[in-house]
Amino acid sequence: MKIIIATVGKAKKSAEAEMVARYLKQTRWDITLKEIPDAPASLPSGERKLWEAKKIEALLDADTRLIALDGMGEQLTSHWLAGRAR
């Protein structure tokens, strides 16, 4: 299984990036971190989201499962995520 973690904007110096870096050192899975640049500030909000979504979709193969995570979203368990990987 190959995992791509895509982030929008700079993640190199954030607390989340430090946690991801620690996790990547501990795992045996093929995990890649990809940073998607922020959409141009001149675009309206809805168009910015579409622009960023297209950049993320460009990383995906036809048989890829996409799981979007959001800090304000529902809390998921590792067990649930493992079940989605099948």
N, C-alpha and C. Protein backbone atom coordinates (compact mmCIF):
# COMPACT_ATOMS: atom_id res chain seq x y z
N MET A 1 0.85 -1.17 0.00
CA MET A 1 0.00 0.00 0.00
C MET A 1 0.89 1.23 0.00
N LYS A 2 0.56 2.18 -0.85
CA LYS A 2 1.26 3.45 -0.92
C LYS A 2 0.34 4.53 -0.37
N ILE A 3 0.87 5.39 0.47
CA ILE A 3 0.08 6.46 1.07
C ILE A 3 0.71 7.79 0.70
N ILE A 4 -0.14 8.71 0.24
CA ILE A 4 0.30 10.07 -0.03
C ILE A 4 -0.45 10.99 0.92
N ILE A 5 0.29 11.77 1.68
CA ILE A 5 -0.32 12.78 2.54
C ILE A 5 -0.13 14.11 1.81
N ALA A 6 -1.23 14.70 1.39
CA ALA A 6 -1.18 15.97 0.66
C ALA A 6 -1.66 17.09 1.58
N THR A 7 -0.89 18.15 1.64
CA THR A 7 -1.26 19.30 2.45
C THR A 7 -1.33 20.52 1.54
N VAL A 8 -2.26 21.40 1.82
CA VAL A 8 -2.35 22.65 1.07
C VAL A 8 -1.63 23.73 1.86
N GLY A 9 -0.68 24.38 1.23
CA GLY A 9 0.11 25.41 1.89
C GLY A 9 1.37 24.83 2.48
N LYS A 10 2.16 25.68 3.07
CA LYS A 10 3.43 25.26 3.66
C LYS A 10 3.19 24.50 4.95
N ALA A 11 3.76 23.31 5.05
CA ALA A 11 3.61 22.50 6.26
C ALA A 11 4.95 22.22 6.91
N LYS A 12 6.02 22.67 6.32
CA LYS A 12 7.36 22.31 6.78
C LYS A 12 7.63 22.67 8.24
N LYS A 13 7.13 23.82 8.71
CA LYS A 13 7.49 24.27 10.04
C LYS A 13 6.34 24.21 11.05
N SER A 14 5.26 23.58 10.68
CA SER A 14 4.12 23.53 11.58
C SER A 14 4.24 22.37 12.56
N ALA A 15 3.46 22.42 13.62
CA ALA A 15 3.45 21.33 14.59
C ALA A 15 2.99 20.03 13.94
N GLU A 16 2.03 20.14 13.02
CA GLU A 16 1.54 18.95 12.32
C GLU A 16 2.66 18.31 11.50
N ALA A 17 3.46 19.12 10.85
CA ALA A 17 4.56 18.60 10.03
C ALA A 17 5.58 17.86 10.89
N GLU A 18 5.82 18.35 12.08
CA GLU A 18 6.74 17.66 12.99
C GLU A 18 6.18 16.31 13.41
N MET A 19 4.88 16.25 13.67
CA MET A 19 4.26 14.97 14.05
C MET A 19 4.33 13.99 12.88
N VAL A 20 4.04 14.47 11.68
CA VAL A 20 4.10 13.60 10.50
C VAL A 20 5.52 13.10 10.29
N ALA A 21 6.50 13.95 10.42
CA ALA A 21 7.90 13.54 10.23
C ALA A 21 8.30 12.46 11.23
N ARG A 22 7.87 12.60 12.48
CA ARG A 22 8.16 11.57 13.50
C ARG A 22 7.49 10.26 13.13
N TYR A 23 6.24 10.34 12.69
CA TYR A 23 5.50 9.13 12.33
C TYR A 23 6.15 8.44 11.12
N LEU A 24 6.54 9.22 10.12
CA LEU A 24 7.14 8.63 8.92
C LEU A 24 8.42 7.87 9.24
N LYS A 25 9.16 8.33 10.24
CA LYS A 25 10.38 7.63 10.63
C LYS A 25 10.08 6.27 11.29
N GLN A 26 8.90 6.14 11.87
CA GLN A 26 8.55 4.93 12.61
C GLN A 26 7.83 3.88 11.77
N THR A 27 7.27 4.27 10.65
CA THR A 27 6.44 3.35 9.88
C THR A 27 7.25 2.60 8.83
N ARG A 28 6.73 1.46 8.42
CA ARG A 28 7.38 0.68 7.37
C ARG A 28 6.64 0.84 6.04
N TRP A 29 5.57 1.62 6.03
CA TRP A 29 4.78 1.82 4.83
C TRP A 29 5.45 2.82 3.89
N ASP A 30 5.04 2.77 2.64
CA ASP A 30 5.52 3.71 1.63
C ASP A 30 4.65 4.96 1.70
N ILE A 31 5.13 5.96 2.44
CA ILE A 31 4.37 7.19 2.65
C ILE A 31 5.16 8.38 2.11
N THR A 32 4.47 9.21 1.33
CA THR A 32 5.08 10.41 0.76
C THR A 32 4.27 11.62 1.20
N LEU A 33 4.96 12.69 1.58
CA LEU A 33 4.30 13.94 1.93
C LEU A 33 4.43 14.89 0.74
N LYS A 34 3.29 15.37 0.23
CA LYS A 34 3.27 16.30 -0.91
C LYS A 34 2.62 17.59 -0.46
N GLU A 35 3.29 18.70 -0.72
CA GLU A 35 2.72 20.01 -0.41
C GLU A 35 2.11 20.61 -1.68
N ILE A 36 0.87 21.00 -1.58
CA ILE A 36 0.17 21.67 -2.66
C ILE A 36 0.24 23.17 -2.37
N PRO A 37 0.68 23.98 -3.33
CA PRO A 37 0.74 25.42 -3.05
C PRO A 37 -0.66 25.99 -2.84
N ASP A 38 -0.72 27.06 -2.06
CA ASP A 38 -2.00 27.74 -1.88
C ASP A 38 -2.48 28.26 -3.23
N ALA A 39 -3.79 28.28 -3.41
CA ALA A 39 -4.37 28.86 -4.62
C ALA A 39 -4.06 30.35 -4.64
N PRO A 40 -4.03 30.93 -5.83
CA PRO A 40 -3.80 32.38 -5.91
C PRO A 40 -4.82 33.15 -5.07
N ALA A 41 -4.34 34.11 -4.31
CA ALA A 41 -5.20 34.88 -3.42
C ALA A 41 -6.23 35.70 -4.19
N SER A 42 -5.98 35.93 -5.46
CA SER A 42 -6.90 36.73 -6.27
C SER A 42 -8.19 35.98 -6.61
N LEU A 43 -8.20 34.66 -6.43
CA LEU A 43 -9.40 33.87 -6.74
C LEU A 43 -10.43 33.99 -5.62
N PRO A 44 -11.71 34.00 -5.97
CA PRO A 44 -12.76 33.95 -4.93
C PRO A 44 -12.67 32.62 -4.17
N SER A 45 -13.23 32.58 -2.98
CA SER A 45 -13.13 31.42 -2.10
C SER A 45 -13.50 30.10 -2.78
N GLY A 46 -14.65 30.05 -3.44
CA GLY A 46 -15.09 28.82 -4.09
C GLY A 46 -14.13 28.36 -5.17
N GLU A 47 -13.60 29.31 -5.94
CA GLU A 47 -12.65 28.96 -7.00
C GLU A 47 -11.31 28.50 -6.42
N ARG A 48 -10.93 29.08 -5.27
CA ARG A 48 -9.69 28.63 -4.59
C ARG A 48 -9.80 27.17 -4.20
N LYS A 49 -10.95 26.78 -3.65
CA LYS A 49 -11.16 25.39 -3.24
C LYS A 49 -11.10 24.46 -4.45
N LEU A 50 -11.72 24.85 -5.55
CA LEU A 50 -11.67 24.03 -6.77
C LEU A 50 -10.26 23.91 -7.30
N TRP A 51 -9.50 25.00 -7.28
CA TRP A 51 -8.12 25.00 -7.76
C TRP A 51 -7.28 24.01 -6.94
N GLU A 52 -7.41 24.10 -5.61
CA GLU A 52 -6.66 23.21 -4.71
C GLU A 52 -7.11 21.76 -4.88
N ALA A 53 -8.42 21.53 -5.04
CA ALA A 53 -8.93 20.17 -5.24
C ALA A 53 -8.36 19.56 -6.51
N LYS A 54 -8.27 20.33 -7.58
CA LYS A 54 -7.70 19.82 -8.83
C LYS A 54 -6.24 19.44 -8.66
N LYS A 55 -5.49 20.22 -7.89
CA LYS A 55 -4.08 19.90 -7.64
C LYS A 55 -3.95 18.59 -6.86
N ILE A 56 -4.83 18.39 -5.89
CA ILE A 56 -4.81 17.15 -5.10
C ILE A 56 -5.22 15.97 -5.98
N GLU A 57 -6.28 16.13 -6.76
CA GLU A 57 -6.75 15.06 -7.64
C GLU A 57 -5.68 14.64 -8.64
N ALA A 58 -4.82 15.56 -9.04
CA ALA A 58 -3.75 15.25 -9.99
C ALA A 58 -2.74 14.26 -9.40
N LEU A 59 -2.71 14.12 -8.09
CA LEU A 59 -1.80 13.19 -7.43
C LEU A 59 -2.34 11.76 -7.42
N LEU A 60 -3.62 11.59 -7.74
CA LEU A 60 -4.29 10.31 -7.56
C LEU A 60 -4.28 9.47 -8.83
N ASP A 61 -4.13 8.17 -8.64
CA ASP A 61 -4.31 7.21 -9.73
C ASP A 61 -5.77 6.80 -9.76
N ALA A 62 -6.17 6.09 -10.81
CA ALA A 62 -7.56 5.67 -10.96
C ALA A 62 -8.03 4.78 -9.82
N ASP A 63 -7.14 3.97 -9.24
CA ASP A 63 -7.54 3.03 -8.18
C ASP A 63 -7.22 3.55 -6.78
N THR A 64 -7.01 4.85 -6.66
CA THR A 64 -6.65 5.44 -5.37
C THR A 64 -7.89 5.74 -4.55
N ARG A 65 -7.78 5.49 -3.24
CA ARG A 65 -8.83 5.89 -2.30
C ARG A 65 -8.42 7.23 -1.71
N LEU A 66 -9.34 8.15 -1.70
CA LEU A 66 -9.08 9.48 -1.14
C LEU A 66 -9.80 9.60 0.19
N ILE A 67 -9.04 9.95 1.23
CA ILE A 67 -9.62 10.21 2.54
C ILE A 67 -9.17 11.62 2.93
N ALA A 68 -10.13 12.53 3.05
CA ALA A 68 -9.83 13.92 3.41
C ALA A 68 -9.98 14.09 4.91
N LEU A 69 -8.97 14.67 5.52
CA LEU A 69 -8.99 14.88 6.97
C LEU A 69 -9.07 16.38 7.25
N ASP A 70 -9.83 16.73 8.27
CA ASP A 70 -10.03 18.12 8.64
C ASP A 70 -10.09 18.18 10.16
N GLY A 71 -9.36 19.09 10.74
CA GLY A 71 -9.32 19.23 12.19
C GLY A 71 -10.68 19.50 12.81
N MET A 72 -11.61 20.02 12.01
CA MET A 72 -12.95 20.31 12.52
C MET A 72 -13.93 19.19 12.18
N GLY A 73 -13.44 18.12 11.54
CA GLY A 73 -14.31 17.02 11.11
C GLY A 73 -14.52 15.98 12.19
N GLU A 74 -15.15 14.89 11.79
CA GLU A 74 -15.44 13.78 12.69
C GLU A 74 -14.14 13.07 13.10
N GLN A 75 -14.03 12.67 14.35
CA GLN A 75 -12.86 11.95 14.85
C GLN A 75 -12.91 10.51 14.35
N LEU A 76 -11.87 10.07 13.67
CA LEU A 76 -11.80 8.71 13.13
C LEU A 76 -10.79 7.89 13.92
N THR A 77 -11.01 6.60 13.97
CA THR A 77 -10.08 5.72 14.67
C THR A 77 -9.12 5.08 13.67
N SER A 78 -8.01 4.59 14.16
CA SER A 78 -7.06 3.86 13.32
C SER A 78 -7.72 2.62 12.74
N HIS A 79 -8.58 1.97 13.54
CA HIS A 79 -9.29 0.78 13.10
C HIS A 79 -10.18 1.09 11.88
N TRP A 80 -10.89 2.21 11.93
CA TRP A 80 -11.75 2.61 10.82
C TRP A 80 -10.90 2.87 9.58
N LEU A 81 -9.80 3.61 9.73
CA LEU A 81 -8.95 3.90 8.57
C LEU A 81 -8.36 2.62 7.98
N ALA A 82 -7.95 1.70 8.83
CA ALA A 82 -7.39 0.43 8.34
C ALA A 82 -8.44 -0.32 7.52
N GLY A 83 -9.67 -0.29 7.94
CA GLY A 83 -10.74 -0.95 7.19
C GLY A 83 -11.00 -0.33 5.84
N ARG A 84 -10.75 0.97 5.69
CA ARG A 84 -10.96 1.66 4.42
C ARG A 84 -9.83 1.38 3.44
N ALA A 85 -8.69 0.93 3.92
CA ALA A 85 -7.52 0.70 3.06
C ALA A 85 -7.66 -0.57 2.24
N ARG A 86 -8.61 -1.41 2.57
CA ARG A 86 -8.77 -2.69 1.88
C ARG A 86 -9.46 -2.55 0.57
